[in-house]
Amino acid sequence: MKQNPFAVKISRESDEEKKMAHVNEYEITQKLNHKNIVKSVAFFDNEFKGEIHQVLEFVEGKEVLDMIAE
């Protein structure tokens, strides 16, 4: 059985407002279904480390920052 790869976005946020922005991003992108939008799969708030982990579908290709730099 072939498994799909995933990407993990990790953010270190201590500000509650910024944490909520990540939660909102997760909730919105989880519901959207469009070929140009990466879908969120899971979300974890690791309060012990002060990190937010967002699991996303993996998209093959260049990183966005590399594309912008070009």
N, C-alpha and C. Protein backbone atom coordinates (compact mmCIF):
# COMPACT_ATOMS: atom_id res chain seq x y z
N MET A 1 0.84 -1.18 0.00
CA MET A 1 0.00 0.00 0.00
C MET A 1 0.89 1.24 0.00
N LYS A 2 0.70 2.12 -0.98
CA LYS A 2 1.48 3.35 -1.09
C LYS A 2 0.90 4.42 -0.17
N GLN A 3 1.79 5.06 0.60
CA GLN A 3 1.36 6.15 1.47
C GLN A 3 1.77 7.47 0.86
N ASN A 4 0.93 8.46 1.01
CA ASN A 4 1.23 9.80 0.51
C ASN A 4 2.19 10.50 1.47
N PRO A 5 3.17 11.22 0.94
CA PRO A 5 4.08 11.97 1.82
C PRO A 5 3.38 13.23 2.36
N PHE A 6 3.87 13.70 3.47
CA PHE A 6 3.33 14.91 4.08
C PHE A 6 4.46 15.88 4.36
N ALA A 7 4.10 17.13 4.53
CA ALA A 7 5.04 18.17 4.94
C ALA A 7 4.60 18.66 6.32
N VAL A 8 5.55 19.12 7.12
CA VAL A 8 5.22 19.64 8.44
C VAL A 8 5.74 21.07 8.55
N LYS A 9 4.85 21.95 8.91
CA LYS A 9 5.19 23.37 9.12
C LYS A 9 5.25 23.57 10.63
N ILE A 10 6.41 24.00 11.14
CA ILE A 10 6.59 24.20 12.57
C ILE A 10 6.81 25.69 12.83
N SER A 11 6.03 26.24 13.76
CA SER A 11 6.15 27.65 14.13
C SER A 11 6.32 27.74 15.64
N ARG A 12 7.17 28.63 16.06
CA ARG A 12 7.33 28.89 17.49
C ARG A 12 6.62 30.20 17.80
N GLU A 13 5.51 30.07 18.50
CA GLU A 13 4.70 31.25 18.82
C GLU A 13 4.37 31.27 20.30
N SER A 14 4.60 32.40 20.93
CA SER A 14 4.21 32.55 22.33
C SER A 14 3.01 33.48 22.46
N ASP A 15 2.78 34.29 21.44
CA ASP A 15 1.67 35.23 21.43
C ASP A 15 0.37 34.49 21.11
N GLU A 16 -0.61 34.64 21.97
CA GLU A 16 -1.89 33.93 21.80
C GLU A 16 -2.61 34.34 20.51
N GLU A 17 -2.48 35.59 20.13
CA GLU A 17 -3.13 36.06 18.89
C GLU A 17 -2.52 35.38 17.66
N LYS A 18 -1.20 35.22 17.66
CA LYS A 18 -0.54 34.54 16.54
C LYS A 18 -0.88 33.06 16.51
N LYS A 19 -1.01 32.44 17.69
CA LYS A 19 -1.44 31.04 17.75
C LYS A 19 -2.82 30.88 17.13
N MET A 20 -3.71 31.78 17.46
CA MET A 20 -5.08 31.71 16.91
C MET A 20 -5.08 31.90 15.40
N ALA A 21 -4.16 32.71 14.89
CA ALA A 21 -4.05 32.88 13.44
C ALA A 21 -3.67 31.56 12.78
N HIS A 22 -2.78 30.79 13.41
CA HIS A 22 -2.41 29.47 12.89
C HIS A 22 -3.59 28.50 12.95
N VAL A 23 -4.33 28.55 14.04
CA VAL A 23 -5.52 27.70 14.16
C VAL A 23 -6.51 28.03 13.06
N ASN A 24 -6.74 29.32 12.82
CA ASN A 24 -7.67 29.74 11.77
C ASN A 24 -7.19 29.29 10.39
N GLU A 25 -5.89 29.42 10.13
CA GLU A 25 -5.33 28.97 8.86
C GLU A 25 -5.58 27.47 8.67
N TYR A 26 -5.33 26.71 9.73
CA TYR A 26 -5.54 25.27 9.66
C TYR A 26 -7.01 24.95 9.35
N GLU A 27 -7.91 25.55 10.09
CA GLU A 27 -9.33 25.25 9.92
C GLU A 27 -9.81 25.60 8.51
N ILE A 28 -9.34 26.70 7.97
CA ILE A 28 -9.76 27.12 6.63
C ILE A 28 -9.17 26.22 5.56
N THR A 29 -7.84 25.98 5.62
CA THR A 29 -7.22 25.18 4.57
C THR A 29 -7.62 23.71 4.64
N GLN A 30 -8.10 23.25 5.78
CA GLN A 30 -8.58 21.88 5.90
C GLN A 30 -9.88 21.69 5.11
N LYS A 31 -10.67 22.73 5.05
CA LYS A 31 -11.98 22.64 4.39
C LYS A 31 -11.92 22.91 2.90
N LEU A 32 -10.91 23.65 2.44
CA LEU A 32 -10.82 24.02 1.04
C LEU A 32 -10.36 22.86 0.18
N ASN A 33 -10.87 22.82 -1.04
CA ASN A 33 -10.46 21.79 -1.99
C ASN A 33 -10.26 22.46 -3.35
N HIS A 34 -9.00 22.86 -3.60
CA HIS A 34 -8.67 23.54 -4.84
C HIS A 34 -7.25 23.14 -5.24
N LYS A 35 -7.02 22.99 -6.52
CA LYS A 35 -5.71 22.52 -6.99
C LYS A 35 -4.56 23.45 -6.63
N ASN A 36 -4.83 24.72 -6.37
CA ASN A 36 -3.77 25.69 -6.06
C ASN A 36 -3.62 25.96 -4.57
N ILE A 37 -4.32 25.21 -3.73
CA ILE A 37 -4.25 25.42 -2.29
C ILE A 37 -3.82 24.11 -1.62
N VAL A 38 -2.78 24.20 -0.82
CA VAL A 38 -2.28 23.03 -0.09
C VAL A 38 -3.24 22.75 1.07
N LYS A 39 -3.67 21.51 1.18
CA LYS A 39 -4.64 21.13 2.20
C LYS A 39 -3.96 20.77 3.51
N SER A 40 -4.51 21.24 4.62
CA SER A 40 -4.03 20.88 5.95
C SER A 40 -4.61 19.53 6.35
N VAL A 41 -3.79 18.72 7.00
CA VAL A 41 -4.20 17.38 7.40
C VAL A 41 -4.38 17.27 8.91
N ALA A 42 -3.45 17.87 9.66
CA ALA A 42 -3.52 17.79 11.13
C ALA A 42 -2.85 19.01 11.74
N PHE A 43 -3.14 19.22 13.03
CA PHE A 43 -2.62 20.38 13.74
C PHE A 43 -2.32 19.97 15.19
N PHE A 44 -1.13 20.33 15.67
CA PHE A 44 -0.75 20.01 17.04
C PHE A 44 -0.15 21.25 17.70
N ASP A 45 -0.59 21.54 18.91
CA ASP A 45 -0.04 22.65 19.69
C ASP A 45 0.79 22.03 20.80
N ASN A 46 2.11 22.05 20.65
CA ASN A 46 3.02 21.51 21.66
C ASN A 46 3.34 22.63 22.64
N GLU A 47 2.54 22.77 23.66
CA GLU A 47 2.72 23.85 24.62
C GLU A 47 4.01 23.71 25.41
N PHE A 48 4.48 22.47 25.61
CA PHE A 48 5.71 22.24 26.35
C PHE A 48 6.90 22.90 25.66
N LYS A 49 6.97 22.77 24.33
CA LYS A 49 8.07 23.36 23.56
C LYS A 49 7.72 24.73 23.01
N GLY A 50 6.46 25.13 23.11
CA GLY A 50 6.03 26.41 22.55
C GLY A 50 6.00 26.38 21.03
N GLU A 51 5.67 25.21 20.47
CA GLU A 51 5.64 25.05 19.02
C GLU A 51 4.26 24.64 18.53
N ILE A 52 3.98 25.07 17.32
CA ILE A 52 2.77 24.67 16.62
C ILE A 52 3.20 23.85 15.42
N HIS A 53 2.63 22.67 15.26
CA HIS A 53 2.96 21.79 14.15
C HIS A 53 1.72 21.64 13.27
N GLN A 54 1.86 21.99 12.02
CA GLN A 54 0.76 21.85 11.07
C GLN A 54 1.20 20.86 9.99
N VAL A 55 0.46 19.76 9.86
CA VAL A 55 0.77 18.74 8.86
C VAL A 55 -0.01 19.07 7.60
N LEU A 56 0.71 19.13 6.46
CA LEU A 56 0.12 19.52 5.19
C LEU A 56 0.36 18.45 4.15
N GLU A 57 -0.48 18.43 3.11
CA GLU A 57 -0.19 17.53 2.00
C GLU A 57 1.12 17.99 1.37
N PHE A 58 1.90 17.04 0.88
CA PHE A 58 3.19 17.35 0.29
C PHE A 58 3.00 17.73 -1.17
N VAL A 59 3.66 18.81 -1.58
CA VAL A 59 3.61 19.26 -2.97
C VAL A 59 5.03 19.20 -3.52
N GLU A 60 5.22 18.43 -4.57
CA GLU A 60 6.53 18.29 -5.20
C GLU A 60 6.91 19.58 -5.92
N GLY A 61 8.16 19.97 -5.81
CA GLY A 61 8.63 21.16 -6.52
C GLY A 61 9.48 22.04 -5.64
N LYS A 62 9.57 23.28 -6.03
CA LYS A 62 10.41 24.25 -5.32
C LYS A 62 9.68 24.80 -4.11
N GLU A 63 10.47 25.33 -3.16
CA GLU A 63 9.90 26.03 -2.03
C GLU A 63 9.45 27.41 -2.48
N VAL A 64 8.44 27.94 -1.84
CA VAL A 64 7.88 29.24 -2.22
C VAL A 64 8.94 30.32 -2.14
N LEU A 65 9.75 30.32 -1.07
CA LEU A 65 10.77 31.36 -0.93
C LEU A 65 11.79 31.30 -2.06
N ASP A 66 12.12 30.09 -2.53
CA ASP A 66 13.04 29.97 -3.68
C ASP A 66 12.42 30.54 -4.95
N MET A 67 11.13 30.30 -5.13
CA MET A 67 10.44 30.82 -6.31
C MET A 67 10.38 32.34 -6.28
N ILE A 68 10.16 32.91 -5.12
CA ILE A 68 10.11 34.37 -4.98
C ILE A 68 11.48 34.97 -5.27
N ALA A 69 12.53 34.31 -4.79
CA ALA A 69 13.90 34.80 -5.00
C ALA A 69 14.27 34.84 -6.47
N GLU A 70 13.70 33.92 -7.26
CA GLU A 70 14.00 33.89 -8.70
C GLU A 70 13.31 35.04 -9.39
